[in-house]
């Protein structure tokens, strides 16, 4: 699941029909002098005009009129306020489980990009912003190994618990326990 908050300011007189966000992945394979690449969409979501009005509403229109005469710094501050007060567009995108993790190696490179598009009713190009992403999978937490069933371990015969230590500084051949000697089978000599 990918989550993002988007805030923007519409300085044109056109209404925005749709705010969409898509995530694309491109895989590049290189071997010798040959390279091949292919891209595909791994997720996306869109907000229609009605949803945009609910999120930004008339408050956004008032801010737009106010900010047209202000500096870029105050514009950025207002966008940050929108993000902080949750008046921004919240996007939740279900990422395809078959998506690759981002990787850059000698022969293979996997890159991901988020494409944010504002669709307007004009016949000119819609504003588009592309943001590079890193896709990674979080492995589920691992459980610790189970504790021993008994509180004491069974040691082989001839081994005393006082001779067994875990620290490397106390290891020496003289202090190492020895196993009891086993009788050798007698062989008949000719």
Protein backbone atom coordinates (compact mmCIF):
# COMPACT_ATOMS: atom_id res chain seq x y z
CA UNK A 1 0.00 0.00 0.00
CA UNK A 2 1.35 3.41 -0.98
CA UNK A 3 0.05 6.56 0.71
CA UNK A 4 0.71 10.16 -0.26
CA UNK A 5 -0.66 13.61 0.47
CA UNK A 6 -0.86 16.06 -2.40
CA UNK A 7 -1.33 19.82 -2.13
CA UNK A 8 -1.34 22.23 -5.06
CA UNK A 9 -2.44 25.69 -6.06
CA UNK A 10 -4.45 26.31 -9.21
CA UNK A 11 -3.37 29.70 -10.58
CA UNK A 12 -5.33 29.35 -13.80
CA UNK A 13 -9.00 30.12 -14.36
CA UNK A 14 -9.74 26.58 -15.48
CA UNK A 15 -11.30 24.06 -13.16
CA UNK A 16 -9.51 20.82 -12.58
CA UNK A 17 -11.55 17.81 -13.67
CA UNK A 18 -9.36 15.06 -12.25
CA UNK A 19 -6.28 14.71 -10.10
CA UNK A 20 -4.65 11.36 -10.81
CA UNK A 21 -1.59 9.60 -9.50
CA UNK A 22 -0.11 6.53 -11.18
CA UNK A 23 3.00 4.55 -10.31
CA UNK A 24 5.05 3.11 -13.16
CA UNK A 25 8.00 0.77 -13.10
CA UNK A 26 10.70 0.38 -15.74
CA UNK A 27 13.05 -2.59 -15.98
CA UNK A 28 16.26 -2.22 -18.00
CA UNK A 29 18.38 -5.24 -18.92
CA UNK A 30 21.88 -4.80 -20.35
CA UNK A 31 24.18 -7.48 -21.75
CA UNK A 32 27.21 -6.58 -23.81
CA UNK A 33 26.25 -3.88 -26.30
CA UNK A 34 22.53 -4.67 -26.18
CA UNK A 35 19.97 -3.17 -23.84
CA UNK A 36 16.27 -3.72 -23.58
CA UNK A 37 13.72 -2.13 -21.32
CA UNK A 38 10.06 -2.40 -20.65
CA UNK A 39 7.70 -0.47 -18.42
CA UNK A 40 4.37 -1.14 -16.82
CA UNK A 41 1.87 0.45 -14.42
CA UNK A 42 1.90 -1.03 -10.90
CA UNK A 43 -0.87 1.07 -9.33
CA UNK A 44 -2.90 4.24 -9.49
CA UNK A 45 -5.80 6.26 -8.14
CA UNK A 46 -7.74 9.38 -9.11
CA UNK A 47 -9.85 12.11 -7.49
CA UNK A 48 -12.74 13.42 -9.56
CA UNK A 49 -13.98 17.02 -9.52
CA UNK A 50 -16.57 16.38 -6.78
CA UNK A 51 -13.95 14.84 -4.49
CA UNK A 52 -11.54 17.70 -5.18
CA UNK A 53 -14.19 20.23 -4.13
CA UNK A 54 -14.77 18.32 -0.89
CA UNK A 55 -11.06 18.26 -0.09
CA UNK A 56 -10.07 21.75 -1.20
CA UNK A 57 -13.52 23.42 -1.39
CA UNK A 58 -14.17 27.15 -1.24
CA UNK A 59 -11.32 27.54 1.24
CA UNK A 60 -8.92 26.77 -1.59
CA UNK A 61 -10.52 29.37 -3.86
CA UNK A 62 -10.12 32.05 -1.16
CA UNK A 63 -6.51 31.06 -0.65
CA UNK A 64 -5.85 31.16 -4.39
CA UNK A 65 -7.10 34.75 -4.66
CA UNK A 66 -5.08 35.75 -1.62
CA UNK A 67 -1.89 34.04 -2.80
CA UNK A 68 -1.87 35.45 -6.33
CA UNK A 69 -0.31 38.62 -5.00
CA UNK A 70 2.07 37.03 -2.49
CA UNK A 71 5.57 35.70 -2.82
CA UNK A 72 6.72 32.16 -3.54
CA UNK A 73 7.78 31.68 0.08
CA UNK A 74 4.28 32.34 1.43
CA UNK A 75 2.89 30.08 -1.30
CA UNK A 76 5.08 27.23 -0.06
CA UNK A 77 4.07 27.98 3.52
CA UNK A 78 0.38 27.71 2.60
CA UNK A 79 0.96 24.38 0.87
CA UNK A 80 2.74 23.12 3.98
CA UNK A 81 -0.20 24.29 6.13
CA UNK A 82 -2.56 22.34 3.87
CA UNK A 83 -0.46 19.22 4.33
CA UNK A 84 -0.20 19.72 8.11
CA UNK A 85 -3.94 20.26 8.62
CA UNK A 86 -4.96 17.31 6.41
CA UNK A 87 -6.63 19.58 3.85
CA UNK A 88 -4.57 17.93 1.15
CA UNK A 89 -5.60 15.15 -1.17
CA UNK A 90 -4.90 11.83 0.52
CA UNK A 91 -4.05 9.09 -1.94
CA UNK A 92 -3.98 5.42 -1.12
CA UNK A 93 -2.70 3.28 -3.96
CA UNK A 94 -2.70 -0.49 -3.89
CA UNK A 95 0.62 -1.49 -5.44
CA UNK A 96 0.66 -4.65 -7.55
CA UNK A 97 2.17 -7.48 -5.46
CA UNK A 98 4.14 -8.57 -8.54
CA UNK A 99 6.03 -5.25 -8.60
CA UNK A 100 9.80 -5.50 -8.43
CA UNK A 101 11.89 -3.88 -5.72
CA UNK A 102 13.97 -0.91 -6.86
CA UNK A 103 17.44 -2.06 -7.84
CA UNK A 104 20.43 -0.73 -9.74
CA UNK A 105 23.11 -3.21 -10.70
CA UNK A 106 25.54 -3.81 -13.50
CA UNK A 107 23.12 -5.74 -15.73
CA UNK A 108 19.67 -4.98 -14.31
CA UNK A 109 18.08 -1.70 -13.22
CA UNK A 110 14.55 -1.34 -11.84
CA UNK A 111 13.25 2.22 -11.41
CA UNK A 112 9.85 3.45 -10.22
CA UNK A 113 8.15 6.78 -10.87
CA UNK A 114 5.01 8.42 -9.50
CA UNK A 115 3.20 10.47 -12.15
CA UNK A 116 0.80 13.13 -10.85
CA UNK A 117 -1.50 14.62 -13.48
CA UNK A 118 -4.05 17.43 -13.29
CA UNK A 119 -6.63 16.89 -16.03
CA UNK A 120 -8.20 20.12 -17.33
CA UNK A 121 -10.91 20.72 -19.98
CA UNK A 122 -8.46 22.53 -22.29
CA UNK A 123 -6.98 21.01 -25.43
CA UNK A 124 -3.43 21.83 -24.33
CA UNK A 125 -1.22 19.45 -22.36
CA UNK A 126 -2.26 18.73 -18.80
CA UNK A 127 0.22 19.63 -16.04
CA UNK A 128 2.27 16.56 -15.09
CA UNK A 129 4.82 16.05 -12.32
CA UNK A 130 7.04 12.96 -12.19
CA UNK A 131 8.62 11.94 -8.89
CA UNK A 132 11.15 9.10 -8.57
CA UNK A 133 10.23 6.46 -5.98
CA UNK A 134 12.01 3.60 -4.30
CA UNK A 135 9.93 0.44 -4.01
CA UNK A 136 10.90 -2.02 -1.31
CA UNK A 137 9.16 -4.84 0.48
CA UNK A 138 9.20 -5.08 4.22
CA UNK A 139 9.62 -8.62 5.41
CA UNK A 140 7.32 -9.75 8.19
CA UNK A 141 8.86 -9.69 11.65
CA UNK A 142 10.65 -12.89 12.55
CA UNK A 143 9.86 -14.71 15.74
CA UNK A 144 12.65 -15.41 18.22
CA UNK A 145 13.75 -19.04 18.49
CA UNK A 146 11.83 -21.09 21.04
CA UNK A 147 13.22 -21.32 24.54
CA UNK A 148 14.55 -24.67 25.74
CA UNK A 149 12.02 -27.00 27.31
CA UNK A 150 14.12 -27.74 30.38
CA UNK A 151 16.02 -25.21 32.44
CA UNK A 152 19.27 -27.17 32.34
CA UNK A 153 20.93 -28.81 29.41
CA UNK A 154 22.00 -32.42 29.49
CA UNK A 155 25.77 -32.60 29.18
CA UNK A 156 27.71 -35.63 27.97
CA UNK A 157 29.22 -37.90 30.61
CA UNK A 158 32.41 -36.48 32.09
CA UNK A 159 31.55 -32.87 31.33
CA UNK A 160 31.00 -30.65 34.33
CA UNK A 161 28.89 -27.48 33.94
CA UNK A 162 31.65 -25.44 35.59
CA UNK A 163 34.02 -26.31 32.72
CA UNK A 164 31.65 -25.10 30.01
CA UNK A 165 31.82 -21.38 29.28
CA UNK A 166 30.55 -19.20 26.45
CA UNK A 167 33.20 -16.47 26.55
CA UNK A 168 36.10 -16.67 24.12
CA UNK A 169 38.58 -15.21 26.64
CA UNK A 170 38.24 -18.18 28.98
CA UNK A 171 38.88 -20.80 26.32
CA UNK A 172 42.11 -22.74 26.58
CA UNK A 173 43.13 -26.26 25.75
CA UNK A 174 44.17 -26.97 29.35
CA UNK A 175 40.76 -26.00 30.70
CA UNK A 176 38.82 -27.82 28.00
CA UNK A 177 36.94 -30.85 29.26
CA UNK A 178 37.86 -34.18 27.83
CA UNK A 179 35.57 -37.02 27.01
CA UNK A 180 36.11 -40.25 28.90
CA UNK A 181 38.39 -42.64 27.12
CA UNK A 182 36.77 -45.54 25.38
CA UNK A 183 38.33 -48.96 25.42
CA UNK A 184 39.93 -49.95 22.14
CA UNK A 185 38.98 -53.28 20.75
CA UNK A 186 41.77 -55.80 20.97
CA UNK A 187 42.86 -57.28 17.70
CA UNK A 188 44.61 -60.58 17.43
CA UNK A 189 48.16 -60.42 16.15
CA UNK A 190 49.49 -63.21 13.96
